[in-house]
Amino acid sequence: MVTRKGYLGLGVNFCVKGDLVCVLFGCSTPVWLRRVEDHYVFLGEANLYSVMDGEAVGGFEKGEFGEESFWIW
């Protein structure tokens, strides 16, 4: 798959356009989430090149990634 920002990666085979790849604080790998009404559903782990090995923290510090709070069921 390719994200909107051009990152290449692998994930679960039932992901669809509009699902999110998130790096959760305290989680060792990016995850797939799907918005369902007022919450998000965890779909599985994502392998996102250039984000897997701590690069997300650097991107966050540079303003490339944002921070958001949400409910996961």
Protein backbone atom coordinates (compact mmCIF):
# COMPACT_ATOMS: atom_id res chain seq x y z
CA MET A 1 0.00 0.00 0.00
CA VAL A 2 0.97 3.65 -0.33
CA THR A 3 -0.19 6.33 2.11
CA ARG A 4 -1.38 9.79 1.13
CA LYS A 5 2.05 11.12 2.09
CA GLY A 6 3.79 8.54 -0.11
CA TYR A 7 4.98 6.05 2.52
CA LEU A 8 5.16 2.43 1.37
CA GLY A 9 4.07 -0.39 3.61
CA LEU A 10 2.31 -3.67 4.29
CA GLY A 11 -0.73 -4.38 6.40
CA VAL A 12 -3.73 -6.59 6.87
CA ASN A 13 -5.38 -7.68 3.62
CA PHE A 14 -8.82 -6.23 4.45
CA CYS A 15 -7.76 -2.60 4.81
CA VAL A 16 -9.53 -0.14 2.55
CA LYS A 17 -8.95 3.39 1.37
CA GLY A 18 -9.62 5.73 4.29
CA ASP A 19 -8.26 3.43 7.02
CA LEU A 20 -5.54 5.01 9.15
CA VAL A 21 -1.98 3.98 9.89
CA CYS A 22 -1.13 5.33 13.35
CA VAL A 23 1.92 5.31 15.56
CA LEU A 24 0.54 5.09 19.09
CA PHE A 25 2.63 6.46 21.92
CA GLY A 26 4.10 3.47 23.77
CA CYS A 27 3.37 1.00 20.95
CA SER A 28 6.37 -0.59 19.24
CA THR A 29 4.84 -0.82 15.73
CA PRO A 30 2.42 1.27 13.65
CA VAL A 31 -1.17 0.01 13.62
CA TRP A 32 -4.15 0.06 11.24
CA LEU A 33 -7.32 1.72 12.53
CA ARG A 34 -10.75 2.16 10.95
CA ARG A 35 -13.19 4.88 11.99
CA VAL A 36 -16.61 3.49 12.89
CA GLU A 37 -19.07 6.17 13.99
CA ASP A 38 -17.50 7.93 17.03
CA HIS A 39 -14.58 5.54 17.65
CA TYR A 40 -11.84 3.56 15.90
CA VAL A 41 -11.47 -0.19 15.51
CA PHE A 42 -8.03 -1.82 15.70
CA LEU A 43 -7.38 -3.83 12.51
CA GLY A 44 -3.83 -5.01 13.09
CA GLU A 45 -0.17 -4.12 12.85
CA ALA A 46 1.24 -2.19 9.91
CA ASN A 47 4.72 -2.34 8.43
CA LEU A 48 5.38 1.16 7.21
CA TYR A 49 8.82 1.78 5.76
CA SER A 50 10.63 4.84 7.15
CA VAL A 51 8.37 4.83 10.22
CA MET A 52 9.08 1.44 11.82
CA ASP A 53 12.32 2.08 13.68
CA GLY A 54 11.66 5.25 15.63
CA GLU A 55 11.60 7.56 12.62
CA ALA A 56 8.05 8.60 13.56
CA VAL A 57 9.38 10.40 16.63
CA GLY A 58 11.73 12.47 14.47
CA GLY A 59 8.90 13.19 12.04
CA PHE A 60 6.66 14.24 14.92
CA GLU A 61 9.34 16.61 16.23
CA LYS A 62 9.73 18.13 12.74
CA GLY A 63 5.96 18.63 12.41
CA GLU A 64 5.54 15.99 9.69
CA PHE A 65 3.13 14.01 11.89
CA GLY A 66 0.41 15.30 14.19
CA GLU A 67 -0.96 14.22 17.52
CA GLU A 68 -4.58 13.23 18.09
CA SER A 69 -6.58 11.63 20.92
CA PHE A 70 -9.30 9.11 20.11
CA TRP A 71 -11.17 6.03 21.39
CA ILE A 72 -10.17 2.57 20.17
CA TRP A 73 -12.56 -0.37 20.63
